[in-house]
C-alpha atoms as a PDB file:
ATOM      1  CA  MET A   1     113.249 164.410-230.307  1.00  0.00           C
ATOM      2  CA  PHE A   2     113.999 163.666-226.637  1.00  0.00           C
ATOM      3  CA  GLU A   3     111.833 160.549-226.244  1.00  0.00           C
ATOM      4  CA  ALA A   4     113.551 159.575-222.987  1.00  0.00           C
ATOM      5  CA  GLY A   5     112.419 162.809-221.354  1.00  0.00           C
ATOM      6  CA  PRO A   6     114.248 165.926-220.323  1.00  0.00           C
ATOM      7  CA  ASN A   7     116.869 164.204-218.126  1.00  0.00           C
ATOM      8  CA  LEU A   8     119.537 162.702-220.365  1.00  0.00           C
ATOM      9  CA  HIS A   9     122.016 160.131-219.078  1.00  0.00           C
ATOM     10  CA  PRO A  10     125.634 161.061-219.917  1.00  0.00           C
ATOM     11  CA  ALA A  11     125.836 158.352-222.624  1.00  0.00           C
ATOM     12  CA  ALA A  12     122.682 159.702-224.313  1.00  0.00           C
ATOM     13  CA  PHE A  13     124.030 163.254-224.048  1.00  0.00           C
ATOM     14  CA  LYS A  14     127.339 162.176-225.589  1.00  0.00           C
ATOM     15  CA  ALA A  15     125.449 160.701-228.555  1.00  0.00           C
ATOM     16  CA  LEU A  16     123.799 164.038-229.427  1.00  0.00           C
ATOM     17  CA  ASP A  17     124.880 165.524-232.737  1.00  0.00           C
ATOM     18  CA  PRO A  18     125.539 169.296-232.478  1.00  0.00           C
ATOM     19  CA  ALA A  19     124.570 169.574-236.160  1.00  0.00           C
ATOM     20  CA  PHE A  20     120.983 168.783-235.118  1.00  0.00           C
ATOM     21  CA  VAL A  21     120.826 169.639-231.399  1.00  0.00           C
ATOM     22  CA  GLN A  22     121.936 172.918-229.848  1.00  0.00           C
ATOM     23  CA  ILE A  23     124.282 172.072-226.957  1.00  0.00           C
ATOM     24  CA  LEU A  24     124.098 174.846-224.375  1.00  0.00           C
ATOM     25  CA  ASP A  25     126.652 175.242-221.578  1.00  0.00           C
ATOM     26  CA  VAL A  26     125.177 177.503-218.879  1.00  0.00           C
ATOM     27  CA  ARG A  27     128.251 177.476-216.626  1.00  0.00           C
ATOM     28  CA  GLU A  28     130.679 180.345-216.129  1.00  0.00           C
ATOM     29  CA  GLN A  29     133.558 181.100-218.506  1.00  0.00           C
ATOM     30  CA  TRP A  30     136.200 179.707-216.113  1.00  0.00           C
ATOM     31  CA  GLU A  31     134.287 176.419-215.867  1.00  0.00           C
ATOM     32  CA  HIS A  32     133.976 176.214-219.652  1.00  0.00           C
ATOM     33  CA  ASP A  33     137.713 176.898-219.983  1.00  0.00           C
ATOM     34  CA  TRP A  34     138.441 174.049-217.551  1.00  0.00           C
ATOM     35  CA  ALA A  35     136.189 171.413-219.158  1.00  0.00           C
ATOM     36  CA  ARG A  36     133.722 171.530-222.023  1.00  0.00           C
ATOM     37  CA  LEU A  37     131.762 169.234-224.282  1.00  0.00           C
ATOM     38  CA  PRO A  38     132.159 169.195-228.077  1.00  0.00           C
ATOM     39  CA  GLY A  39     129.917 171.578-229.997  1.00  0.00           C
ATOM     40  CA  ALA A  40     128.728 173.465-226.911  1.00  0.00           C
ATOM     41  CA  VAL A  41     127.766 177.138-226.986  1.00  0.00           C
ATOM     42  CA  LEU A  42     128.584 178.976-223.766  1.00  0.00           C
ATOM     43  CA  ILE A  43     125.892 181.281-222.416  1.00  0.00           C
ATOM     44  CA  PRO A  44     126.224 181.533-218.622  1.00  0.00           C
ATOM     45  CA  LEU A  45     122.874 181.236-216.836  1.00  0.00           C
ATOM     46  CA  GLY A  46     123.092 184.825-215.599  1.00  0.00           C
ATOM     47  CA  GLU A  47     123.364 186.056-219.207  1.00  0.00           C
ATOM     48  CA  LEU A  48     120.705 183.813-220.731  1.00  0.00           C
ATOM     49  CA  VAL A  49     117.830 186.279-220.443  1.00  0.00           C
ATOM     50  CA  HIS A  50     119.813 188.838-222.482  1.00  0.00           C
ATOM     51  CA  ARG A  51     121.321 186.371-224.970  1.00  0.00           C
ATOM     52  CA  VAL A  52     118.402 184.008-225.633  1.00  0.00           C
ATOM     53  CA  GLY A  53     118.165 185.462-229.160  1.00  0.00           C
ATOM     54  CA  GLU A  54     121.401 183.606-230.001  1.00  0.00           C
ATOM     55  CA  LEU A  55     119.468 180.326-229.755  1.00  0.00           C
ATOM     56  CA  ASP A  56     116.912 178.890-232.195  1.00  0.00           C
ATOM     57  CA  PRO A  57     113.576 178.020-230.528  1.00  0.00           C
ATOM     58  CA  ASN A  58     112.721 175.768-233.488  1.00  0.00           C
ATOM     59  CA  ARG A  59     115.675 173.403-232.936  1.00  0.00           C
ATOM     60  CA  PRO A  60     116.098 170.849-230.135  1.00  0.00           C
ATOM     61  CA  LEU A  61     118.282 172.120-227.306  1.00  0.00           C
ATOM     62  CA  ALA A  62     120.173 170.220-224.607  1.00  0.00           C
ATOM     63  CA  ALA A  63     121.753 172.158-221.749  1.00  0.00           C
ATOM     64  CA  TYR A  64     124.360 171.267-219.174  1.00  0.00           C
ATOM     65  CA  CYS A  65     126.103 172.752-216.150  1.00  0.00           C
ATOM     66  CA  HIS A  66     128.277 171.332-213.357  1.00  0.00           C
ATOM     67  CA  HIS A  67     125.742 169.151-211.505  1.00  0.00           C
ATOM     68  CA  GLY A  68     122.419 169.758-213.279  1.00  0.00           C
ATOM     69  CA  MET A  69     120.764 172.506-211.235  1.00  0.00           C
ATOM     70  CA  ARG A  70     121.585 175.521-213.427  1.00  0.00           C
ATOM     71  CA  SER A  71     120.686 173.623-216.581  1.00  0.00           C
ATOM     72  CA  LEU A  72     117.248 172.816-215.110  1.00  0.00           C
ATOM     73  CA  GLN A  73     116.764 176.523-214.366  1.00  0.00           C
ATOM     74  CA  ALA A  74     117.767 177.291-217.955  1.00  0.00           C
ATOM     75  CA  LEU A  75     115.184 174.804-219.278  1.00  0.00           C
ATOM     76  CA  ARG A  76     112.432 176.397-217.205  1.00  0.00           C
ATOM     77  CA  PHE A  77     113.332 179.836-218.547  1.00  0.00           C
ATOM     78  CA  LEU A  78     113.622 178.618-222.155  1.00  0.00           C
ATOM     79  CA  GLN A  79     110.288 176.819-221.952  1.00  0.00           C
ATOM     80  CA  GLY A  80     108.716 180.051-220.716  1.00  0.00           C
ATOM     81  CA  VAL A  81     109.946 181.970-223.769  1.00  0.00           C
ATOM     82  CA  GLY A  82     108.736 179.458-226.344  1.00  0.00           C
ATOM     83  CA  PHE A  83     111.300 176.653-226.586  1.00  0.00           C
ATOM     84  CA  SER A  84     109.697 173.223-226.498  1.00  0.00           C
ATOM     85  CA  ASP A  85     112.161 170.472-227.439  1.00  0.00           C
ATOM     86  CA  LEU A  86     114.409 170.658-224.374  1.00  0.00           C
ATOM     87  CA  ALA A  87     116.575 168.342-222.317  1.00  0.00           C
ATOM     88  CA  HIS A  88     119.523 168.565-219.940  1.00  0.00           C
ATOM     89  CA  LEU A  89     122.451 166.472-218.830  1.00  0.00           C
ATOM     90  CA  ALA A  90     121.373 164.691-215.643  1.00  0.00           C
ATOM     91  CA  GLY A  91     124.166 165.042-213.092  1.00  0.00           C
ATOM     92  CA  GLY A  92     125.892 167.673-215.229  1.00  0.00           C
ATOM     93  CA  ILE A  93     129.379 167.587-216.622  1.00  0.00           C
ATOM     94  CA  ASP A  94     130.499 166.001-213.360  1.00  0.00           C
ATOM     95  CA  ALA A  95     128.502 162.844-214.211  1.00  0.00           C
ATOM     96  CA  TYR A  96     129.687 163.026-217.816  1.00  0.00           C
ATOM     97  CA  SER A  97     133.339 163.203-216.770  1.00  0.00           C
ATOM     98  CA  ARG A  98     132.911 160.095-214.607  1.00  0.00           C
ATOM     99  CA  MET A  99     131.713 158.271-217.734  1.00  0.00           C
ATOM    100  CA  ASP A 100     134.300 159.881-220.048  1.00  0.00           C
ATOM    101  CA  PRO A 101     137.649 160.471-218.269  1.00  0.00           C
ATOM    102  CA  SER A 102     138.894 162.622-221.170  1.00  0.00           C
ATOM    103  CA  VAL A 103     136.702 165.399-219.728  1.00  0.00           C
ATOM    104  CA  PRO A 104     138.406 166.850-216.618  1.00  0.00           C
ATOM    105  CA  ARG A 105     136.557 166.810-213.286  1.00  0.00           C
ATOM    106  CA  TYR A 106     136.525 169.834-211.007  1.00  0.00           C
END
């Protein structure tokens, strides 16, 4: 599904349809409360190993965090446990909020 590769530009990430792509927020609860993207499921990176069963390995998944580092770690972990159609928001929600000012920056 992710023909452009695993690093999605904010505009490409915004175009994802949560009905088809799992949107995974790997930030902390306070960050999610401050700013979030539509359709996102919050599973903080530190909880992912214990909560991976909440995600479907047979569906495409796109992750995001604040700047892109935690979401890359999440992709590495998910790939190791059998997920294959993976991408992340390059530059994180910070880059997204610069493109879409309706999403607060922090």
